[in-house]
């Protein structure tokens, strides 16, 4: 496995070698014909798995940059609610109007 992602044309060619297309895989998954093509441009785990299954490889083989290697730590996500706000606010901007 290399550290570089497959070129989008290589992904499409691999699907054609398997006798299918992006549009066909997309339709078989219940999606619009062009929806799966978004996976070639931006990360979308469901789409990555659909394409990888159709090709017969793991998604990390096609898009290694999208899948972290073991040992790398994930950056913590930004909290949905700022830590300095009360937890009882509803339907208003966080910390807005606090006195």
N, C-alpha and C. Protein backbone atom coordinates (compact mmCIF):
# COMPACT_ATOMS: atom_id res chain seq x y z
N UNK A 1 0.84 -1.18 0.00
CA UNK A 1 0.00 0.00 0.00
C UNK A 1 0.89 1.24 0.00
N UNK A 2 0.59 2.20 -0.87
CA UNK A 2 1.38 3.43 -0.95
C UNK A 2 0.74 4.51 -0.09
N UNK A 3 1.46 5.62 0.07
CA UNK A 3 0.94 6.72 0.86
C UNK A 3 0.22 7.76 0.02
N UNK A 4 0.10 7.54 -1.28
CA UNK A 4 -0.58 8.50 -2.13
C UNK A 4 -1.93 7.94 -2.58
N UNK A 5 -2.90 8.83 -2.65
CA UNK A 5 -4.23 8.44 -3.10
C UNK A 5 -4.21 8.09 -4.58
N UNK A 6 -5.12 7.21 -4.97
CA UNK A 6 -5.26 6.91 -6.39
C UNK A 6 -5.76 8.16 -7.10
N UNK A 7 -5.35 8.32 -8.33
CA UNK A 7 -5.88 9.40 -9.16
C UNK A 7 -7.34 9.07 -9.45
N UNK A 8 -8.23 10.07 -9.49
CA UNK A 8 -9.64 9.79 -9.78
C UNK A 8 -9.86 8.98 -11.06
N UNK A 9 -9.03 9.22 -12.08
CA UNK A 9 -9.16 8.45 -13.32
C UNK A 9 -8.83 6.98 -13.09
N UNK A 10 -7.91 6.70 -12.17
CA UNK A 10 -7.58 5.31 -11.84
C UNK A 10 -8.73 4.61 -11.13
N UNK A 11 -9.45 5.35 -10.29
CA UNK A 11 -10.61 4.78 -9.60
C UNK A 11 -11.68 4.43 -10.62
N UNK A 12 -11.96 5.37 -11.53
CA UNK A 12 -12.96 5.13 -12.57
C UNK A 12 -12.53 3.96 -13.46
N UNK A 13 -11.25 3.90 -13.82
CA UNK A 13 -10.75 2.81 -14.66
C UNK A 13 -10.88 1.47 -13.95
N UNK A 14 -10.60 1.44 -12.65
CA UNK A 14 -10.74 0.19 -11.90
C UNK A 14 -12.19 -0.29 -11.88
N UNK A 15 -13.12 0.65 -11.78
CA UNK A 15 -14.54 0.28 -11.83
C UNK A 15 -14.89 -0.27 -13.21
N UNK A 16 -14.39 0.37 -14.26
CA UNK A 16 -14.67 -0.09 -15.62
C UNK A 16 -14.08 -1.48 -15.87
N UNK A 17 -12.91 -1.75 -15.30
CA UNK A 17 -12.30 -3.07 -15.43
C UNK A 17 -13.16 -4.14 -14.77
N UNK A 18 -13.91 -3.74 -13.74
CA UNK A 18 -14.82 -4.66 -13.05
C UNK A 18 -16.19 -4.73 -13.74
N UNK A 19 -16.34 -3.99 -14.83
CA UNK A 19 -17.58 -4.05 -15.59
C UNK A 19 -18.70 -3.19 -15.03
N UNK A 20 -18.35 -2.16 -14.29
CA UNK A 20 -19.36 -1.27 -13.73
C UNK A 20 -18.90 0.17 -13.89
N UNK A 21 -19.68 1.10 -13.38
CA UNK A 21 -19.34 2.52 -13.48
C UNK A 21 -19.73 3.21 -12.18
N UNK A 22 -19.27 4.44 -12.03
CA UNK A 22 -19.63 5.22 -10.84
C UNK A 22 -21.15 5.39 -10.78
N UNK A 23 -21.76 5.70 -11.91
CA UNK A 23 -23.20 5.92 -11.93
C UNK A 23 -23.96 4.65 -11.56
N UNK A 24 -23.52 3.51 -12.05
CA UNK A 24 -24.21 2.26 -11.76
C UNK A 24 -24.09 1.90 -10.27
N UNK A 25 -22.90 2.03 -9.72
CA UNK A 25 -22.71 1.74 -8.29
C UNK A 25 -23.56 2.69 -7.46
N UNK A 26 -23.62 3.94 -7.87
CA UNK A 26 -24.41 4.94 -7.17
C UNK A 26 -25.90 4.58 -7.20
N UNK A 27 -26.41 4.23 -8.38
CA UNK A 27 -27.83 3.87 -8.50
C UNK A 27 -28.16 2.61 -7.72
N UNK A 28 -27.25 1.62 -7.74
CA UNK A 28 -27.50 0.38 -7.01
C UNK A 28 -27.55 0.61 -5.50
N UNK A 29 -26.90 1.68 -5.04
CA UNK A 29 -26.92 2.02 -3.62
C UNK A 29 -28.12 2.90 -3.26
N UNK A 30 -28.95 3.19 -4.27
CA UNK A 30 -30.14 4.01 -4.02
C UNK A 30 -29.85 5.50 -4.04
N UNK A 31 -28.76 5.88 -4.66
CA UNK A 31 -28.38 7.29 -4.74
C UNK A 31 -28.59 7.79 -6.16
N UNK A 32 -28.57 9.10 -6.32
CA UNK A 32 -28.63 9.67 -7.66
C UNK A 32 -27.36 9.29 -8.42
N UNK A 33 -27.45 9.25 -9.72
CA UNK A 33 -26.34 8.77 -10.55
C UNK A 33 -25.02 9.50 -10.30
N UNK A 34 -25.07 10.80 -10.10
CA UNK A 34 -23.84 11.58 -9.96
C UNK A 34 -23.37 11.72 -8.51
N UNK A 35 -24.13 11.24 -7.56
CA UNK A 35 -23.79 11.46 -6.15
C UNK A 35 -22.45 10.85 -5.76
N UNK A 36 -22.17 9.66 -6.20
CA UNK A 36 -20.96 8.96 -5.80
C UNK A 36 -19.70 9.63 -6.33
N UNK A 37 -19.82 10.40 -7.39
CA UNK A 37 -18.65 11.09 -7.94
C UNK A 37 -18.08 12.10 -6.95
N UNK A 38 -18.89 12.56 -6.00
CA UNK A 38 -18.39 13.49 -4.98
C UNK A 38 -17.27 12.88 -4.16
N UNK A 39 -17.28 11.57 -4.03
CA UNK A 39 -16.26 10.88 -3.23
C UNK A 39 -14.87 11.05 -3.84
N UNK A 40 -14.79 11.27 -5.13
CA UNK A 40 -13.49 11.46 -5.78
C UNK A 40 -12.86 12.79 -5.39
N UNK A 41 -13.69 13.75 -4.98
CA UNK A 41 -13.20 15.09 -4.68
C UNK A 41 -13.07 15.37 -3.19
N UNK A 42 -13.95 14.76 -2.38
CA UNK A 42 -13.93 15.03 -0.94
C UNK A 42 -14.26 13.77 -0.17
N UNK A 43 -13.78 13.68 1.07
CA UNK A 43 -14.04 12.48 1.87
C UNK A 43 -15.53 12.26 2.13
N UNK A 44 -15.96 11.03 1.94
CA UNK A 44 -17.32 10.61 2.28
C UNK A 44 -17.24 9.11 2.54
N UNK A 45 -17.15 8.69 3.81
CA UNK A 45 -16.92 7.28 4.13
C UNK A 45 -17.87 6.30 3.46
N UNK A 46 -19.16 6.61 3.42
CA UNK A 46 -20.10 5.68 2.79
C UNK A 46 -19.77 5.50 1.30
N UNK A 47 -19.51 6.59 0.62
CA UNK A 47 -19.16 6.51 -0.80
C UNK A 47 -17.85 5.79 -1.03
N UNK A 48 -16.89 6.04 -0.14
CA UNK A 48 -15.60 5.36 -0.25
C UNK A 48 -15.78 3.85 -0.14
N UNK A 49 -16.62 3.42 0.80
CA UNK A 49 -16.85 1.98 0.96
C UNK A 49 -17.58 1.39 -0.24
N UNK A 50 -18.56 2.11 -0.78
CA UNK A 50 -19.29 1.60 -1.95
C UNK A 50 -18.34 1.39 -3.13
N UNK A 51 -17.47 2.36 -3.35
CA UNK A 51 -16.52 2.25 -4.46
C UNK A 51 -15.52 1.12 -4.19
N UNK A 52 -15.00 1.08 -2.97
CA UNK A 52 -14.00 0.06 -2.63
C UNK A 52 -14.56 -1.35 -2.75
N UNK A 53 -15.80 -1.55 -2.31
CA UNK A 53 -16.43 -2.87 -2.43
C UNK A 53 -16.59 -3.24 -3.89
N UNK A 54 -16.99 -2.27 -4.72
CA UNK A 54 -17.16 -2.55 -6.15
C UNK A 54 -15.83 -2.91 -6.81
N UNK A 55 -14.74 -2.31 -6.33
CA UNK A 55 -13.41 -2.60 -6.90
C UNK A 55 -12.83 -3.86 -6.29
N UNK A 56 -13.16 -4.12 -5.02
CA UNK A 56 -12.65 -5.30 -4.35
C UNK A 56 -11.44 -5.05 -3.47
N UNK A 57 -11.30 -3.82 -2.98
CA UNK A 57 -10.20 -3.48 -2.08
C UNK A 57 -10.75 -2.70 -0.88
N UNK A 58 -9.90 -2.45 0.11
CA UNK A 58 -10.29 -1.64 1.26
C UNK A 58 -10.16 -0.17 0.87
N UNK A 59 -11.06 0.70 1.37
CA UNK A 59 -10.97 2.12 1.02
C UNK A 59 -9.61 2.75 1.35
N UNK A 60 -8.95 2.27 2.39
CA UNK A 60 -7.65 2.82 2.77
C UNK A 60 -6.59 2.56 1.70
N UNK A 61 -6.81 1.57 0.86
CA UNK A 61 -5.88 1.30 -0.23
C UNK A 61 -6.05 2.33 -1.35
N UNK A 62 -7.27 2.80 -1.54
CA UNK A 62 -7.55 3.79 -2.59
C UNK A 62 -7.22 5.20 -2.10
N UNK A 63 -7.61 5.50 -0.85
CA UNK A 63 -7.42 6.83 -0.28
C UNK A 63 -6.64 6.76 1.03
N UNK A 64 -5.37 6.42 1.01
CA UNK A 64 -4.62 6.30 2.26
C UNK A 64 -4.52 7.62 3.04
N UNK A 65 -4.55 8.74 2.34
CA UNK A 65 -4.47 10.03 3.04
C UNK A 65 -5.71 10.30 3.87
N UNK A 66 -6.83 9.66 3.53
CA UNK A 66 -8.07 9.87 4.27
C UNK A 66 -8.19 8.97 5.49
N UNK A 67 -7.32 7.98 5.57
CA UNK A 67 -7.37 7.04 6.69
C UNK A 67 -6.08 7.16 7.47
N UNK A 68 -6.21 7.41 8.74
CA UNK A 68 -5.04 7.63 9.59
C UNK A 68 -4.32 6.32 9.88
N UNK A 69 -3.01 6.43 9.99
CA UNK A 69 -2.22 5.28 10.40
C UNK A 69 -2.36 5.11 11.91
N UNK A 70 -2.17 3.91 12.36
CA UNK A 70 -2.19 3.66 13.80
C UNK A 70 -1.04 4.41 14.44
N UNK A 71 -1.27 4.89 15.63
CA UNK A 71 -0.24 5.61 16.35
C UNK A 71 -0.38 7.12 16.26
N UNK A 72 -1.10 7.61 15.27
CA UNK A 72 -1.33 9.04 15.19
C UNK A 72 -2.51 9.40 16.07
N UNK A 73 -2.39 10.47 16.80
CA UNK A 73 -3.48 10.87 17.68
C UNK A 73 -4.41 11.80 16.92
N UNK A 74 -5.68 11.70 17.21
CA UNK A 74 -6.67 12.58 16.61
C UNK A 74 -6.70 13.89 17.38
N UNK A 75 -6.93 14.96 16.66
CA UNK A 75 -7.10 16.25 17.31
C UNK A 75 -8.50 16.30 17.91
N UNK A 76 -8.65 16.80 19.13
CA UNK A 76 -9.99 16.86 19.71
C UNK A 76 -10.86 17.81 18.91
N UNK A 77 -12.13 17.46 18.81
CA UNK A 77 -13.08 18.30 18.10
C UNK A 77 -13.41 19.53 18.92
N UNK A 78 -13.78 20.57 18.24
CA UNK A 78 -14.23 21.77 18.92
C UNK A 78 -15.55 21.44 19.61
N UNK A 79 -15.70 21.78 20.89
CA UNK A 79 -16.95 21.43 21.58
C UNK A 79 -18.14 22.13 20.94
N UNK A 80 -19.26 21.44 20.90
CA UNK A 80 -20.48 22.01 20.34
C UNK A 80 -20.94 23.19 21.18
N UNK A 81 -20.82 23.07 22.49
CA UNK A 81 -21.19 24.13 23.42
C UNK A 81 -19.91 24.65 24.06
N UNK A 82 -19.65 25.94 23.96
CA UNK A 82 -18.44 26.46 24.60
C UNK A 82 -18.42 26.12 26.09
N UNK A 83 -17.24 25.82 26.60
CA UNK A 83 -17.11 25.34 27.97
C UNK A 83 -17.48 26.39 29.01
N UNK A 84 -17.44 27.67 28.65
CA UNK A 84 -17.74 28.71 29.63
C UNK A 84 -19.21 29.10 29.65
N UNK A 85 -20.07 28.40 28.94
CA UNK A 85 -21.49 28.71 28.88
C UNK A 85 -22.28 27.80 29.82
N UNK A 86 -23.40 28.30 30.33
CA UNK A 86 -24.27 27.43 31.13
C UNK A 86 -24.88 26.36 30.24
N UNK A 87 -25.22 25.24 30.81
CA UNK A 87 -25.74 24.12 30.02
C UNK A 87 -27.24 24.20 29.80
N UNK A 88 -27.91 25.21 30.35
CA UNK A 88 -29.36 25.25 30.24
C UNK A 88 -29.86 26.23 29.18
N UNK A 89 -29.00 26.68 28.26
CA UNK A 89 -29.50 27.57 27.23
C UNK A 89 -30.18 26.76 26.12
N UNK A 90 -31.29 27.29 25.61
CA UNK A 90 -32.06 26.61 24.58
C UNK A 90 -32.47 27.64 23.53
N UNK A 91 -32.30 27.28 22.26
CA UNK A 91 -32.75 28.09 21.12
C UNK A 91 -32.24 29.53 21.14
N UNK A 92 -31.01 29.70 21.49
CA UNK A 92 -30.37 31.00 21.38
C UNK A 92 -28.88 30.77 21.18
N UNK A 93 -28.20 31.76 20.74
CA UNK A 93 -26.77 31.63 20.52
C UNK A 93 -26.07 31.34 21.83
N UNK A 94 -25.05 30.51 21.82
CA UNK A 94 -24.33 30.20 23.05
C UNK A 94 -23.81 31.46 23.73
N UNK A 95 -24.07 31.56 25.01
CA UNK A 95 -23.59 32.64 25.87
C UNK A 95 -24.17 34.00 25.51
N UNK A 96 -25.16 34.05 24.64
CA UNK A 96 -25.76 35.31 24.24
C UNK A 96 -26.70 35.79 25.33
N UNK A 97 -26.53 36.99 25.76
CA UNK A 97 -27.43 37.56 26.75
C UNK A 97 -27.19 37.08 28.16
N UNK A 98 -26.08 36.41 28.42
CA UNK A 98 -25.79 35.97 29.78
C UNK A 98 -25.37 37.17 30.62
N UNK A 99 -25.89 37.27 31.80
CA UNK A 99 -25.53 38.38 32.69
C UNK A 99 -24.93 37.87 33.96
